[in-house]
Amino acid sequence: MEDYIEILDKKTTVNGNEVVITKTVKEKLTYEQLLWKKEDCQRRKQRLIQQSQQLQKEFNSIKDEEQEIDNMMALLQSEDNEFLTLE
């Protein structure tokens, strides 16, 4: 079943190089449609959580790499760098 949407009012204006359309609508939804919309929201939230977790992993990896580079730079700047090793 499709959503029922009725346009009650529509106004079109020009703002610089953009056309702005403002609409007032009346929308009728069944319980099943609302349930589907809610499930869609939950799926989108889950995708964002997964993306956030992946970004956190990438961030931590870059942070670790940066720390490793800082350690190597410190070795090069030390006086007896021939005898120092990183583990």
Protein backbone atom coordinates (compact mmCIF):
# COMPACT_ATOMS: atom_id res chain seq x y z
CA MET A 1 0.00 0.00 0.00
CA GLU A 2 1.37 3.42 -0.91
CA ASP A 3 1.52 6.44 1.34
CA TYR A 4 -1.33 8.85 0.84
CA ILE A 5 0.00 12.39 0.49
CA GLU A 6 -2.15 15.40 -0.32
CA ILE A 7 -0.49 18.76 -1.04
CA LEU A 8 -2.45 21.40 0.88
CA ASP A 9 -0.31 24.42 -0.04
CA LYS A 10 2.67 25.03 -2.31
CA LYS A 11 4.79 28.19 -2.63
CA THR A 12 7.70 28.70 -5.02
CA THR A 13 10.23 31.50 -4.53
CA VAL A 14 13.60 32.42 -6.00
CA ASN A 15 16.51 32.99 -3.63
CA GLY A 16 19.57 34.12 -5.58
CA ASN A 17 20.40 31.26 -7.94
CA GLU A 18 18.13 28.75 -6.17
CA VAL A 19 14.45 27.97 -6.48
CA VAL A 20 12.83 27.24 -3.11
CA ILE A 21 9.63 25.19 -3.01
CA THR A 22 7.71 25.16 0.27
CA LYS A 23 4.90 22.61 0.63
CA THR A 24 2.35 21.89 3.31
CA VAL A 25 1.23 18.28 3.02
CA LYS A 26 -1.27 15.94 4.62
CA GLU A 27 -0.01 12.37 4.87
CA LYS A 28 -2.01 9.30 5.87
CA LEU A 29 -0.17 6.18 6.98
CA THR A 30 -1.33 2.78 8.14
CA TYR A 31 0.10 1.01 11.16
CA GLU A 32 2.04 -1.31 8.83
CA GLN A 33 3.52 1.66 6.98
CA LEU A 34 4.58 3.25 10.25
CA LEU A 35 6.10 -0.05 11.32
CA TRP A 36 8.05 -0.24 8.04
CA LYS A 37 9.28 3.35 8.48
CA LYS A 38 10.39 2.55 12.05
CA GLU A 39 12.25 -0.57 10.88
CA ASP A 40 13.91 1.50 8.17
CA CYS A 41 15.07 4.00 10.82
CA GLN A 42 16.49 1.15 12.89
CA ARG A 43 18.36 -0.25 9.88
CA ARG A 44 19.82 3.18 9.10
CA LYS A 45 20.89 3.62 12.75
CA GLN A 46 22.57 0.19 12.69
CA ARG A 47 24.49 1.12 9.53
CA LEU A 48 25.67 4.33 11.21
CA ILE A 49 26.80 2.37 14.28
CA GLN A 50 28.79 0.00 12.06
CA GLN A 51 30.33 2.91 10.15
CA SER A 52 31.22 4.59 13.44
CA GLN A 53 32.92 1.43 14.70
CA GLN A 54 34.89 1.11 11.47
CA LEU A 55 35.98 4.75 11.69
CA GLN A 56 37.09 4.20 15.29
CA LYS A 57 39.22 1.23 14.20
CA GLU A 58 40.80 3.27 11.41
CA PHE A 59 41.41 6.17 13.79
CA ASN A 60 43.12 3.89 16.33
CA SER A 61 45.27 2.36 13.60
CA ILE A 62 46.42 5.78 12.42
CA LYS A 63 47.06 6.86 16.01
CA ASP A 64 49.22 3.75 16.57
CA GLU A 65 51.13 4.42 13.36
CA GLU A 66 51.73 8.02 14.41
CA GLN A 67 53.06 6.87 17.79
CA GLU A 68 55.39 4.42 16.07
CA ILE A 69 56.71 7.20 13.84
CA ASP A 70 57.23 9.44 16.89
CA ASN A 71 59.23 6.64 18.53
CA MET A 72 61.42 6.20 15.44
CA MET A 73 62.01 9.96 15.25
CA ALA A 74 63.04 9.93 18.91
CA LEU A 75 65.55 7.17 18.11
CA LEU A 76 67.07 9.23 15.34
CA GLN A 77 67.39 12.24 17.61
CA SER A 78 69.07 10.34 20.45
CA GLU A 79 72.83 10.52 20.78
CA ASP A 80 73.52 6.78 20.72
CA ASN A 81 70.92 5.77 18.16
CA GLU A 82 73.14 2.95 16.94
CA PHE A 83 72.48 0.95 20.10
CA LEU A 84 68.78 1.64 20.61
CA THR A 85 66.06 -0.60 19.23
CA LEU A 86 62.28 -0.38 19.22
CA GLU A 87 60.20 -3.38 20.18
